[in-house]
Amino acid sequence: MGVRVEIKVTARHGNMSDEIQETMKAKVSKLPKFFDRTTAIQVLVDLEHTDTPKVEIIVSAEETNDFFASDTGSNVLVALDSTVSKMEQQLKKHKEKLISHRGRDHKIPEESAE
């Protein structure tokens, strides 16, 4: 898996410390293991409501539409964890779908009884 995935963390309506941004990058950097065609990950943090910050993750991948997940939490990292979990499920489901379709196309036709 030598492909480098671009990870971008952006905050709206406020600022986050570099430490929190690095923590977020570290957590989302594990997402490509669920779908190896991932090319970019964007994390948007909306700090407009400080008691319930919202985290959105957009994952771009080759030959498919972008994946999107979002959630709110009591703090940025709680919201991030739940959003990452949602994204993992989407990526796993998509990968399973691709594998099952691939398997269907390559079945060997049964020998016909003569």
PDB file of N, CA and C in Angstrom:
ATOM      1  N   MET A   1       0.847  -1.187   0.000  1.00  0.00           N
ATOM      2  CA  MET A   1       0.000   0.000   0.000  1.00  0.00           C
ATOM      3  C   MET A   1       0.884   1.239   0.000  1.00  0.00           C
ATOM      4  N   GLY A   2       1.611   1.453  -1.058  1.00  0.00           N
ATOM      5  CA  GLY A   2       2.543   2.553  -1.120  1.00  0.00           C
ATOM      6  C   GLY A   2       1.928   3.880  -1.510  1.00  0.00           C
ATOM      7  N   VAL A   3       0.626   3.887  -1.802  1.00  0.00           N
ATOM      8  CA  VAL A   3      -0.025   5.120  -2.223  1.00  0.00           C
ATOM      9  C   VAL A   3      -0.221   6.034  -1.017  1.00  0.00           C
ATOM     10  N   ARG A   4       0.140   7.280  -1.189  1.00  0.00           N
ATOM     11  CA  ARG A   4      -0.006   8.240  -0.099  1.00  0.00           C
ATOM     12  C   ARG A   4      -1.394   8.862  -0.165  1.00  0.00           C
ATOM     13  N   VAL A   5      -2.127   8.782   0.928  1.00  0.00           N
ATOM     14  CA  VAL A   5      -3.467   9.353   1.014  1.00  0.00           C
ATOM     15  C   VAL A   5      -3.357  10.759   1.588  1.00  0.00           C
ATOM     16  N   GLU A   6      -3.922  11.720   0.885  1.00  0.00           N
ATOM     17  CA  GLU A   6      -3.894  13.105   1.363  1.00  0.00           C
ATOM     18  C   GLU A   6      -4.967  13.274   2.443  1.00  0.00           C
ATOM     19  N   ILE A   7      -4.560  13.788   3.602  1.00  0.00           N
ATOM     20  CA  ILE A   7      -5.493  14.012   4.709  1.00  0.00           C
ATOM     21  C   ILE A   7      -5.508  15.493   5.043  1.00  0.00           C
ATOM     22  N   LYS A   8      -6.712  16.057   5.055  1.00  0.00           N
ATOM     23  CA  LYS A   8      -6.857  17.485   5.319  1.00  0.00           C
ATOM     24  C   LYS A   8      -7.873  17.680   6.442  1.00  0.00           C
ATOM     25  N   VAL A   9      -7.510  18.457   7.459  1.00  0.00           N
ATOM     26  CA  VAL A   9      -8.415  18.763   8.571  1.00  0.00           C
ATOM     27  C   VAL A   9      -8.721  20.254   8.532  1.00  0.00           C
ATOM     28  N   THR A  10     -10.003  20.596   8.488  1.00  0.00           N
ATOM     29  CA  THR A  10     -10.417  21.993   8.410  1.00  0.00           C
ATOM     30  C   THR A  10     -11.437  22.295   9.504  1.00  0.00           C
ATOM     31  N   ALA A  11     -11.296  23.451  10.141  1.00  0.00           N
ATOM     32  CA  ALA A  11     -12.254  23.870  11.173  1.00  0.00           C
ATOM     33  C   ALA A  11     -13.062  25.052  10.663  1.00  0.00           C
ATOM     34  N   ARG A  12     -14.364  25.007  10.928  1.00  0.00           N
ATOM     35  CA  ARG A  12     -15.247  26.137  10.631  1.00  0.00           C
ATOM     36  C   ARG A  12     -15.722  26.738  11.946  1.00  0.00           C
ATOM     37  N   HIS A  13     -15.903  28.028  11.989  1.00  0.00           N
ATOM     38  CA  HIS A  13     -16.438  28.737  13.168  1.00  0.00           C
ATOM     39  C   HIS A  13     -15.554  28.569  14.399  1.00  0.00           C
ATOM     40  N   GLY A  14     -14.241  28.501  14.215  1.00  0.00           N
ATOM     41  CA  GLY A  14     -13.346  28.394  15.363  1.00  0.00           C
ATOM     42  C   GLY A  14     -12.031  27.760  14.966  1.00  0.00           C
ATOM     43  N   ASN A  15     -11.182  27.558  15.949  1.00  0.00           N
ATOM     44  CA  ASN A  15      -9.877  26.958  15.704  1.00  0.00           C
ATOM     45  C   ASN A  15      -9.658  25.762  16.614  1.00  0.00           C
ATOM     46  N   MET A  16      -8.826  24.833  16.137  1.00  0.00           N
ATOM     47  CA  MET A  16      -8.446  23.675  16.946  1.00  0.00           C
ATOM     48  C   MET A  16      -6.939  23.708  17.122  1.00  0.00           C
ATOM     49  N   SER A  17      -6.489  23.157  18.233  1.00  0.00           N
ATOM     50  CA  SER A  17      -5.045  23.119  18.470  1.00  0.00           C
ATOM     51  C   SER A  17      -4.399  22.154  17.469  1.00  0.00           C
ATOM     52  N   ASP A  18      -3.109  22.365  17.237  1.00  0.00           N
ATOM     53  CA  ASP A  18      -2.367  21.464  16.347  1.00  0.00           C
ATOM     54  C   ASP A  18      -2.416  20.034  16.881  1.00  0.00           C
ATOM     55  N   GLU A  19      -2.397  19.911  18.205  1.00  0.00           N
ATOM     56  CA  GLU A  19      -2.421  18.586  18.835  1.00  0.00           C
ATOM     57  C   GLU A  19      -3.710  17.844  18.476  1.00  0.00           C
ATOM     58  N   ILE A  20      -4.845  18.523  18.562  1.00  0.00           N
ATOM     59  CA  ILE A  20      -6.125  17.888  18.217  1.00  0.00           C
ATOM     60  C   ILE A  20      -6.150  17.548  16.723  1.00  0.00           C
ATOM     61  N   GLN A  21      -5.638  18.452  15.888  1.00  0.00           N
ATOM     62  CA  GLN A  21      -5.607  18.172  14.450  1.00  0.00           C
ATOM     63  C   GLN A  21      -4.755  16.939  14.155  1.00  0.00           C
ATOM     64  N   GLU A  22      -3.613  16.813  14.820  1.00  0.00           N
ATOM     65  CA  GLU A  22      -2.745  15.649  14.606  1.00  0.00           C
ATOM     66  C   GLU A  22      -3.430  14.363  15.079  1.00  0.00           C
ATOM     67  N   THR A  23      -4.129  14.439  16.222  1.00  0.00           N
ATOM     68  CA  THR A  23      -4.879  13.283  16.724  1.00  0.00           C
ATOM     69  C   THR A  23      -5.929  12.862  15.709  1.00  0.00           C
ATOM     70  N   MET A  24      -6.630  13.847  15.144  1.00  0.00           N
ATOM     71  CA  MET A  24      -7.665  13.547  14.145  1.00  0.00           C
ATOM     72  C   MET A  24      -7.049  12.900  12.907  1.00  0.00           C
ATOM     73  N   LYS A  25      -5.929  13.438  12.442  1.00  0.00           N
ATOM     74  CA  LYS A  25      -5.256  12.861  11.273  1.00  0.00           C
ATOM     75  C   LYS A  25      -4.849  11.422  11.548  1.00  0.00           C
ATOM     76  N   ALA A  26      -4.330  11.172  12.740  1.00  0.00           N
ATOM     77  CA  ALA A  26      -3.899   9.816  13.100  1.00  0.00           C
ATOM     78  C   ALA A  26      -5.077   8.847  13.077  1.00  0.00           C
ATOM     79  N   LYS A  27      -6.232   9.293  13.590  1.00  0.00           N
ATOM     80  CA  LYS A  27      -7.401   8.409  13.633  1.00  0.00           C
ATOM     81  C   LYS A  27      -7.949   8.122  12.241  1.00  0.00           C
ATOM     82  N   VAL A  28      -8.041   9.138  11.391  1.00  0.00           N
ATOM     83  CA  VAL A  28      -8.604   8.897  10.055  1.00  0.00           C
ATOM     84  C   VAL A  28      -7.603   8.233   9.117  1.00  0.00           C
ATOM     85  N   SER A  29      -6.314   8.286   9.460  1.00  0.00           N
ATOM     86  CA  SER A  29      -5.311   7.663   8.589  1.00  0.00           C
ATOM     87  C   SER A  29      -5.458   6.141   8.557  1.00  0.00           C
ATOM     88  N   LYS A  30      -6.238   5.585   9.474  1.00  0.00           N
ATOM     89  CA  LYS A  30      -6.474   4.134   9.490  1.00  0.00           C
ATOM     90  C   LYS A  30      -7.592   3.727   8.524  1.00  0.00           C
ATOM     91  N   LEU A  31      -8.368   4.683   8.031  1.00  0.00           N
ATOM     92  CA  LEU A  31      -9.500   4.346   7.160  1.00  0.00           C
ATOM     93  C   LEU A  31      -9.111   3.625   5.865  1.00  0.00           C
ATOM     94  N   PRO A  32      -7.998   3.975   5.211  1.00  0.00           N
ATOM     95  CA  PRO A  32      -7.668   3.273   3.960  1.00  0.00           C
ATOM     96  C   PRO A  32      -7.496   1.763   4.098  1.00  0.00           C
ATOM     97  N   LYS A  33      -7.261   1.262   5.316  1.00  0.00           N
ATOM     98  CA  LYS A  33      -7.118  -0.197   5.455  1.00  0.00           C
ATOM     99  C   LYS A  33      -8.458  -0.894   5.202  1.00  0.00           C
ATOM    100  N   PHE A  34      -9.565  -0.156   5.301  1.00  0.00           N
ATOM    101  CA  PHE A  34     -10.880  -0.740   5.033  1.00  0.00           C
ATOM    102  C   PHE A  34     -11.223  -0.718   3.548  1.00  0.00           C
ATOM    103  N   PHE A  35     -10.617   0.214   2.814  1.00  0.00           N
ATOM    104  CA  PHE A  35     -10.840   0.282   1.370  1.00  0.00           C
ATOM    105  C   PHE A  35      -9.578   0.837   0.740  1.00  0.00           C
ATOM    106  N   ASP A  36      -8.824  -0.027   0.059  1.00  0.00           N
ATOM    107  CA  ASP A  36      -7.472   0.339  -0.365  1.00  0.00           C
ATOM    108  C   ASP A  36      -7.404   1.286  -1.560  1.00  0.00           C
ATOM    109  N   ARG A  37      -8.524   1.642  -2.149  1.00  0.00           N
ATOM    110  CA  ARG A  37      -8.490   2.591  -3.266  1.00  0.00           C
ATOM    111  C   ARG A  37      -8.681   4.040  -2.802  1.00  0.00           C
ATOM    112  N   THR A  38      -8.601   4.272  -1.505  1.00  0.00           N
ATOM    113  CA  THR A  38      -8.768   5.609  -0.944  1.00  0.00           C
ATOM    114  C   THR A  38      -7.662   6.537  -1.450  1.00  0.00           C
ATOM    115  N   THR A  39      -8.055   7.733  -1.909  1.00  0.00           N
ATOM    116  CA  THR A  39      -7.069   8.687  -2.414  1.00  0.00           C
ATOM    117  C   THR A  39      -6.951   9.931  -1.531  1.00  0.00           C
ATOM    118  N   ALA A  40      -8.044  10.321  -0.874  1.00  0.00           N
ATOM    119  CA  ALA A  40      -8.008  11.524  -0.033  1.00  0.00           C
ATOM    120  C   ALA A  40      -9.056  11.426   1.071  1.00  0.00           C
ATOM    121  N   ILE A  41      -8.737  12.038   2.199  1.00  0.00           N
ATOM    122  CA  ILE A  41      -9.672  12.086   3.327  1.00  0.00           C
ATOM    123  C   ILE A  41      -9.742  13.533   3.792  1.00  0.00           C
ATOM    124  N   GLN A  42     -10.960  14.043   3.875  1.00  0.00           N
ATOM    125  CA  GLN A  42     -11.142  15.412   4.357  1.00  0.00           C
ATOM    126  C   GLN A  42     -11.984  15.367   5.625  1.00  0.00           C
ATOM    127  N   VAL A  43     -11.502  16.032   6.669  1.00  0.00           N
ATOM    128  CA  VAL A  43     -12.222  16.117   7.935  1.00  0.00           C
ATOM    129  C   VAL A  43     -12.627  17.572   8.123  1.00  0.00           C
ATOM    130  N   LEU A  44     -13.929  17.808   8.244  1.00  0.00           N
ATOM    131  CA  LEU A  44     -14.447  19.157   8.478  1.00  0.00           C
ATOM    132  C   LEU A  44     -15.033  19.191   9.885  1.00  0.00           C
ATOM    133  N   VAL A  45     -14.573  20.127  10.684  1.00  0.00           N
ATOM    134  CA  VAL A  45     -15.060  20.250  12.050  1.00  0.00           C
ATOM    135  C   VAL A  45     -15.802  21.570  12.171  1.00  0.00           C
ATOM    136  N   ASP A  46     -17.086  21.480  12.532  1.00  0.00           N
ATOM    137  CA  ASP A  46     -17.893  22.687  12.693  1.00  0.00           C
ATOM    138  C   ASP A  46     -18.007  22.998  14.181  1.00  0.00           C
ATOM    139  N   LEU A  47     -17.396  24.103  14.585  1.00  0.00           N
ATOM    140  CA  LEU A  47     -17.351  24.478  16.001  1.00  0.00           C
ATOM    141  C   LEU A  47     -18.366  25.568  16.343  1.00  0.00           C
ATOM    142  N   GLU A  48     -19.373  25.720  15.487  1.00  0.00           N
ATOM    143  CA  GLU A  48     -20.376  26.767  15.727  1.00  0.00           C
ATOM    144  C   GLU A  48     -21.094  26.526  17.060  1.00  0.00           C
ATOM    145  N   HIS A  49     -21.473  25.274  17.320  1.00  0.00           N
ATOM    146  CA  HIS A  49     -22.126  24.923  18.586  1.00  0.00           C
ATOM    147  C   HIS A  49     -21.078  24.236  19.460  1.00  0.00           C
ATOM    148  N   THR A  50     -20.462  25.000  20.360  1.00  0.00           N
ATOM    149  CA  THR A  50     -19.329  24.477  21.132  1.00  0.00           C
ATOM    150  C   THR A  50     -19.717  23.303  22.028  1.00  0.00           C
ATOM    151  N   ASP A  51     -20.992  23.225  22.454  1.00  0.00           N
ATOM    152  CA  ASP A  51     -21.402  22.107  23.310  1.00  0.00           C
ATOM    153  C   ASP A  51     -21.633  20.823  22.507  1.00  0.00           C
ATOM    154  N   THR A  52     -21.885  20.965  21.199  1.00  0.00           N
ATOM    155  CA  THR A  52     -22.054  19.780  20.342  1.00  0.00           C
ATOM    156  C   THR A  52     -21.362  20.008  19.000  1.00  0.00           C
ATOM    157  N   PRO A  53     -20.034  19.945  18.976  1.00  0.00           N
ATOM    158  CA  PRO A  53     -19.337  20.139  17.700  1.00  0.00           C
ATOM    159  C   PRO A  53     -19.703  19.032  16.707  1.00  0.00           C
ATOM    160  N   LYS A  54     -19.698  19.386  15.432  1.00  0.00           N
ATOM    161  CA  LYS A  54     -20.038  18.430  14.379  1.00  0.00           C
ATOM    162  C   LYS A  54     -18.779  18.095  13.583  1.00  0.00           C
ATOM    163  N   VAL A  55     -18.602  16.809  13.301  1.00  0.00           N
ATOM    164  CA  VAL A  55     -17.476  16.354  12.504  1.00  0.00           C
ATOM    165  C   VAL A  55     -18.014  15.663  11.256  1.00  0.00           C
ATOM    166  N   GLU A  56     -17.489  16.060  10.108  1.00  0.00           N
ATOM    167  CA  GLU A  56     -17.848  15.425   8.841  1.00  0.00           C
ATOM    168  C   GLU A  56     -16.572  14.837   8.243  1.00  0.00           C
ATOM    169  N   ILE A  57     -16.686  13.644   7.682  1.00  0.00           N
ATOM    170  CA  ILE A  57     -15.543  13.031   6.997  1.00  0.00           C
ATOM    171  C   ILE A  57     -15.971  12.712   5.576  1.00  0.00           C
ATOM    172  N   ILE A  58     -15.152  13.132   4.627  1.00  0.00           N
ATOM    173  CA  ILE A  58     -15.390  12.808   3.224  1.00  0.00           C
ATOM    174  C   ILE A  58     -14.181  12.006   2.751  1.00  0.00           C
ATOM    175  N   VAL A  59     -14.443  10.802   2.269  1.00  0.00           N
ATOM    176  CA  VAL A  59     -13.373   9.945   1.760  1.00  0.00           C
ATOM    177  C   VAL A  59     -13.536   9.833   0.253  1.00  0.00           C
ATOM    178  N   SER A  60     -12.488  10.207  -0.472  1.00  0.00           N
ATOM    179  CA  SER A  60     -12.475  10.066  -1.924  1.00  0.00           C
ATOM    180  C   SER A  60     -11.702   8.805  -2.273  1.00  0.00           C
ATOM    181  N   ALA A  61     -12.214   8.068  -3.256  1.00  0.00           N
ATOM    182  CA  ALA A  61     -11.553   6.831  -3.663  1.00  0.00           C
ATOM    183  C   ALA A  61     -11.659   6.673  -5.171  1.00  0.00           C
ATOM    184  N   GLU A  62     -10.764   5.864  -5.716  1.00  0.00           N
ATOM    185  CA  GLU A  62     -10.758   5.620  -7.160  1.00  0.00           C
ATOM    186  C   GLU A  62     -12.012   4.868  -7.584  1.00  0.00           C
ATOM    187  N   GLU A  63     -12.524   5.217  -8.746  1.00  0.00           N
ATOM    188  CA  GLU A  63     -13.611   4.502  -9.418  1.00  0.00           C
ATOM    189  C   GLU A  63     -14.879   4.355  -8.589  1.00  0.00           C
ATOM    190  N   THR A  64     -15.167   5.310  -7.716  1.00  0.00           N
ATOM    191  CA  THR A  64     -16.415   5.280  -6.959  1.00  0.00           C
ATOM    192  C   THR A  64     -16.736   6.690  -6.481  1.00  0.00           C
ATOM    193  N   ASN A  65     -17.978   6.879  -6.060  1.00  0.00           N
ATOM    194  CA  ASN A  65     -18.377   8.183  -5.523  1.00  0.00           C
ATOM    195  C   ASN A  65     -17.724   8.377  -4.156  1.00  0.00           C
ATOM    196  N   ASP A  66     -17.662   9.626  -3.720  1.00  0.00           N
ATOM    197  CA  ASP A  66     -17.122   9.916  -2.394  1.00  0.00           C
ATOM    198  C   ASP A  66     -18.014   9.300  -1.318  1.00  0.00           C
ATOM    199  N   PHE A  67     -17.394   8.952  -0.205  1.00  0.00           N
ATOM    200  CA  PHE A  67     -18.123   8.463   0.956  1.00  0.00           C
ATOM    201  C   PHE A  67     -18.245   9.624   1.936  1.00  0.00           C
ATOM    202  N   PHE A  68     -19.384   9.712   2.631  1.00  0.00           N
ATOM    203  CA  PHE A  68     -19.622  10.838   3.525  1.00  0.00           C
ATOM    204  C   PHE A  68     -20.230  10.331   4.826  1.00  0.00           C
ATOM    205  N   ALA A  69     -19.707  10.817   5.948  1.00  0.00           N
ATOM    206  CA  ALA A  69     -20.283  10.504   7.252  1.00  0.00           C
ATOM    207  C   ALA A  69     -20.136  11.720   8.148  1.00  0.00           C
ATOM    208  N   SER A  70     -21.110  11.907   9.042  1.00  0.00           N
ATOM    209  CA  SER A  70     -21.000  13.017   9.989  1.00  0.00           C
ATOM    210  C   SER A  70     -21.722  12.659  11.284  1.00  0.00           C
ATOM    211  N   ASP A  71     -21.319  13.326  12.348  1.00  0.00           N
ATOM    212  CA  ASP A  71     -21.974  13.139  13.638  1.00  0.00           C
ATOM    213  C   ASP A  71     -21.579  14.290  14.556  1.00  0.00           C
ATOM    214  N   THR A  72     -22.327  14.429  15.637  1.00  0.00           N
ATOM    215  CA  THR A  72     -21.999  15.429  16.651  1.00  0.00           C
ATOM    216  C   THR A  72     -21.670  14.680  17.938  1.00  0.00           C
ATOM    217  N   GLY A  73     -21.040  15.380  18.868  1.00  0.00           N
ATOM    218  CA  GLY A  73     -20.689  14.759  20.143  1.00  0.00           C
ATOM    219  C   GLY A  73     -20.481  15.810  21.204  1.00  0.00           C
ATOM    220  N   SER A  74     -20.190  15.352  22.420  1.00  0.00           N
ATOM    221  CA  SER A  74     -19.997  16.282  23.528  1.00  0.00           C
ATOM    222  C   SER A  74     -18.694  17.068  23.374  1.00  0.00           C
ATOM    223  N   ASN A  75     -17.744  16.507  22.591  1.00  0.00           N
ATOM    224  CA  ASN A  75     -16.544  17.256  22.230  1.00  0.00           C
ATOM    225  C   ASN A  75     -16.074  16.763  20.859  1.00  0.00           C
ATOM    226  N   VAL A  76     -15.072  17.408  20.325  1.00  0.00           N
ATOM    227  CA  VAL A  76     -14.618  17.124  18.963  1.00  0.00           C
ATOM    228  C   VAL A  76     -14.175  15.668  18.798  1.00  0.00           C
ATOM    229  N   LEU A  77     -13.450  15.136  19.778  1.00  0.00           N
ATOM    230  CA  LEU A  77     -12.925  13.776  19.636  1.00  0.00           C
ATOM    231  C   LEU A  77     -14.017  12.714  19.757  1.00  0.00           C
ATOM    232  N   VAL A  78     -15.033  12.970  20.585  1.00  0.00           N
ATOM    233  CA  VAL A  78     -16.171  12.044  20.684  1.00  0.00           C
ATOM    234  C   VAL A  78     -16.898  12.021  19.334  1.00  0.00           C
ATOM    235  N   ALA A  79     -17.129  13.199  18.773  1.00  0.00           N
ATOM    236  CA  ALA A  79     -17.787  13.288  17.467  1.00  0.00           C
ATOM    237  C   ALA A  79     -16.948  12.606  16.383  1.00  0.00           C
ATOM    238  N   LEU A  80     -15.632  12.796  16.450  1.00  0.00           N
ATOM    239  CA  LEU A  80     -14.735  12.172  15.477  1.00  0.00           C
ATOM    240  C   LEU A  80     -14.811  10.651  15.560  1.00  0.00           C
ATOM    241  N   ASP A  81     -14.731  10.104  16.781  1.00  0.00           N
ATOM    242  CA  ASP A  81     -14.758   8.643  16.942  1.00  0.00           C
ATOM    243  C   ASP A  81     -16.028   8.039  16.355  1.00  0.00           C
ATOM    244  N   SER A  82     -17.157   8.671  16.623  1.00  0.00           N
ATOM    245  CA  SER A  82     -18.406   8.116  16.115  1.00  0.00           C
ATOM    246  C   SER A  82     -18.496   8.266  14.599  1.00  0.00           C
ATOM    247  N   THR A  83     -17.968   9.360  14.057  1.00  0.00           N
ATOM    248  CA  THR A  83     -17.976   9.564  12.610  1.00  0.00           C
ATOM    249  C   THR A  83     -17.030   8.574  11.921  1.00  0.00           C
ATOM    250  N   VAL A  84     -15.866   8.341  12.507  1.00  0.00           N
ATOM    251  CA  VAL A  84     -14.912   7.364  11.958  1.00  0.00           C
ATOM    252  C   VAL A  84     -15.563   5.978  11.935  1.00  0.00           C
ATOM    253  N   SER A  85     -16.277   5.639  13.000  1.00  0.00           N
ATOM    254  CA  SER A  85     -16.946   4.346  13.073  1.00  0.00           C
ATOM    255  C   SER A  85     -17.977   4.194  11.947  1.00  0.00           C
ATOM    256  N   LYS A  86     -18.754   5.239  11.714  1.00  0.00           N
ATOM    257  CA  LYS A  86     -19.730   5.216  10.615  1.00  0.00           C
ATOM    258  C   LYS A  86     -19.032   5.037   9.271  1.00  0.00           C
ATOM    259  N   MET A  87     -17.925   5.742   9.099  1.00  0.00           N
ATOM    260  CA  MET A  87     -17.186   5.660   7.840  1.00  0.00           C
ATOM    261  C   MET A  87     -16.606   4.263   7.635  1.00  0.00           C
ATOM    262  N   GLU A  88     -16.072   3.667   8.703  1.00  0.00           N
ATOM    263  CA  GLU A  88     -15.535   2.306   8.601  1.00  0.00           C
ATOM    264  C   GLU A  88     -16.614   1.355   8.088  1.00  0.00           C
ATOM    265  N   GLN A  89     -17.823   1.489   8.634  1.00  0.00           N
ATOM    266  CA  GLN A  89     -18.922   0.613   8.207  1.00  0.00           C
ATOM    267  C   GLN A  89     -19.218   0.793   6.722  1.00  0.00           C
ATOM    268  N   GLN A  90     -19.268   2.044   6.277  1.00  0.00           N
ATOM    269  CA  GLN A  90     -19.533   2.314   4.852  1.00  0.00           C
ATOM    270  C   GLN A  90     -18.465   1.698   3.960  1.00  0.00           C
ATOM    271  N   LEU A  91     -17.205   1.885   4.333  1.00  0.00           N
ATOM    272  CA  LEU A  91     -16.106   1.379   3.510  1.00  0.00           C
ATOM    273  C   LEU A  91     -16.098  -0.145   3.477  1.00  0.00           C
ATOM    274  N   LYS A  92     -16.341  -0.781   4.638  1.00  0.00           N
ATOM    275  CA  LYS A  92     -16.395  -2.246   4.688  1.00  0.00           C
ATOM    276  C   LYS A  92     -17.525  -2.756   3.802  1.00  0.00           C
ATOM    277  N   LYS A  93     -18.690  -2.116   3.921  1.00  0.00           N
ATOM    278  CA  LYS A  93     -19.860  -2.541   3.149  1.00  0.00           C
ATOM    279  C   LYS A  93     -19.586  -2.409   1.651  1.00  0.00           C
ATOM    280  N   HIS A  94     -18.969  -1.310   1.255  1.00  0.00           N
ATOM    281  CA  HIS A  94     -18.660  -1.083  -0.164  1.00  0.00           C
ATOM    282  C   HIS A  94     -17.674  -2.135  -0.669  1.00  0.00           C
ATOM    283  N   LYS A  95     -16.659  -2.417   0.129  1.00  0.00           N
ATOM    284  CA  LYS A  95     -15.651  -3.404  -0.275  1.00  0.00           C
ATOM    285  C   LYS A  95     -16.292  -4.792  -0.413  1.00  0.00           C
ATOM    286  N   GLU A  96     -17.148  -5.153   0.539  1.00  0.00           N
ATOM    287  CA  GLU A  96     -17.841  -6.450   0.478  1.00  0.00           C
ATOM    288  C   GLU A  96     -18.715  -6.536  -0.769  1.00  0.00           C
ATOM    289  N   LYS A  97     -19.372  -5.425  -1.087  1.00  0.00           N
ATOM    290  CA  LYS A  97     -20.224  -5.389  -2.273  1.00  0.00           C
ATOM    291  C   LYS A  97     -19.392  -5.625  -3.533  1.00  0.00           C
ATOM    292  N   LEU A  98     -18.230  -4.983  -3.602  1.00  0.00           N
ATOM    293  CA  LEU A  98     -17.349  -5.172  -4.762  1.00  0.00           C
ATOM    294  C   LEU A  98     -16.874  -6.613  -4.866  1.00  0.00           C
ATOM    295  N   ILE A  99     -16.504  -7.192  -3.730  1.00  0.00           N
ATOM    296  CA  ILE A  99     -16.013  -8.567  -3.725  1.00  0.00           C
ATOM    297  C   ILE A  99     -17.115  -9.529  -4.162  1.00  0.00           C
ATOM    298  N   SER A 100     -18.339  -9.333  -3.652  1.00  0.00           N
ATOM    299  CA  SER A 100     -19.428 -10.253  -4.013  1.00  0.00           C
ATOM    300  C   SER A 100     -19.792 -10.108  -5.490  1.00  0.00           C
ATOM    301  N   HIS A 101     -19.734  -8.899  -6.040  1.00  0.00           N
ATOM    302  CA  HIS A 101     -20.011  -8.712  -7.472  1.00  0.00           C
ATOM    303  C   HIS A 101     -18.930  -9.373  -8.313  1.00  0.00           C
ATOM    304  N   ARG A 102     -17.695  -9.219  -7.890  1.00  0.00           N
ATOM    305  CA  ARG A 102     -16.579  -9.797  -8.629  1.00  0.00           C
ATOM    306  C   ARG A 102     -16.718 -11.317  -8.658  1.00  0.00           C
ATOM    307  N   GLY A 103     -17.096 -11.902  -7.544  1.00  0.00           N
ATOM    308  CA  GLY A 103     -17.255 -13.350  -7.453  1.00  0.00           C
ATOM    309  C   GLY A 103     -18.348 -13.860  -8.376  1.00  0.00           C
ATOM    310  N   ARG A 104     -19.415 -13.082  -8.509  1.00  0.00           N
ATOM    311  CA  ARG A 104     -20.541 -13.487  -9.337  1.00  0.00           C
ATOM    312  C   ARG A 104     -20.157 -13.518 -10.822  1.00  0.00           C
ATOM    313  N   ASP A 105     -19.322 -12.589 -11.237  1.00  0.00           N
ATOM    314  CA  ASP A 105     -18.962 -12.496 -12.654  1.00  0.00           C
ATOM    315  C   ASP A 105     -18.018 -13.607 -13.106  1.00  0.00           C
ATOM    316  N   HIS A 106     -17.312 -14.220 -12.189  1.00  0.00           N
ATOM    317  CA  HIS A 106     -16.262 -15.154 -12.586  1.00  0.00           C
ATOM    318  C   HIS A 106     -16.582 -16.599 -12.232  1.00  0.00           C
ATOM    319  N   LYS A 107     -17.863 -16.921 -12.089  1.00  0.00           N
ATOM    320  CA  LYS A 107     -18.223 -18.313 -11.782  1.00  0.00           C
ATOM    321  C   LYS A 107     -18.027 -19.157 -13.035  1.00  0.00           C
ATOM    322  N   ILE A 108     -17.568 -20.356 -12.823  1.00  0.00           N
ATOM    323  CA  ILE A 108     -17.384 -21.287 -13.936  1.00  0.00           C
ATOM    324  C   ILE A 108     -18.741 -21.928 -14.216  1.00  0.00           C
ATOM    325  N   PRO A 109     -19.193 -21.860 -15.462  1.00  0.00           N
ATOM    326  CA  PRO A 109     -20.506 -22.466 -15.758  1.00  0.00           C
ATOM    327  C   PRO A 109     -20.479 -23.979 -15.500  1.00  0.00           C
ATOM    328  N   GLU A 110     -21.582 -24.469 -14.941  1.00  0.00           N
ATOM    329  CA  GLU A 110     -21.641 -25.897 -14.629  1.00  0.00           C
ATOM    330  C   GLU A 110     -21.643 -26.707 -15.914  1.00  0.00           C
ATOM    331  N   GLU A 111     -21.043 -27.884 -15.833  1.00  0.00           N
ATOM    332  CA  GLU A 111     -21.035 -28.779 -17.003  1.00  0.00           C
ATOM    333  C   GLU A 111     -22.471 -29.227 -17.263  1.00  0.00           C
ATOM    334  N   SER A 112     -22.879 -29.200 -18.512  1.00  0.00           N
ATOM    335  CA  SER A 112     -24.245 -29.659 -18.811  1.00  0.00           C
ATOM    336  C   SER A 112     -24.223 -31.172 -18.986  1.00  0.00           C
ATOM    337  N   ALA A 113     -25.246 -31.814 -18.426  1.00  0.00           N
ATOM    338  CA  ALA A 113     -25.322 -33.289 -18.504  1.00  0.00           C
ATOM    339  C   ALA A 113     -25.678 -33.691 -19.938  1.00  0.00           C
ATOM    340  N   GLU A 114     -24.927 -34.625 -20.486  1.00  0.00           N
ATOM    341  CA  GLU A 114     -25.193 -35.035 -21.866  1.00  0.00           C
ATOM    342  C   GLU A 114     -25.814 -36.393 -21.908  1.00  0.00           C
TER     343      GLU A 114
END
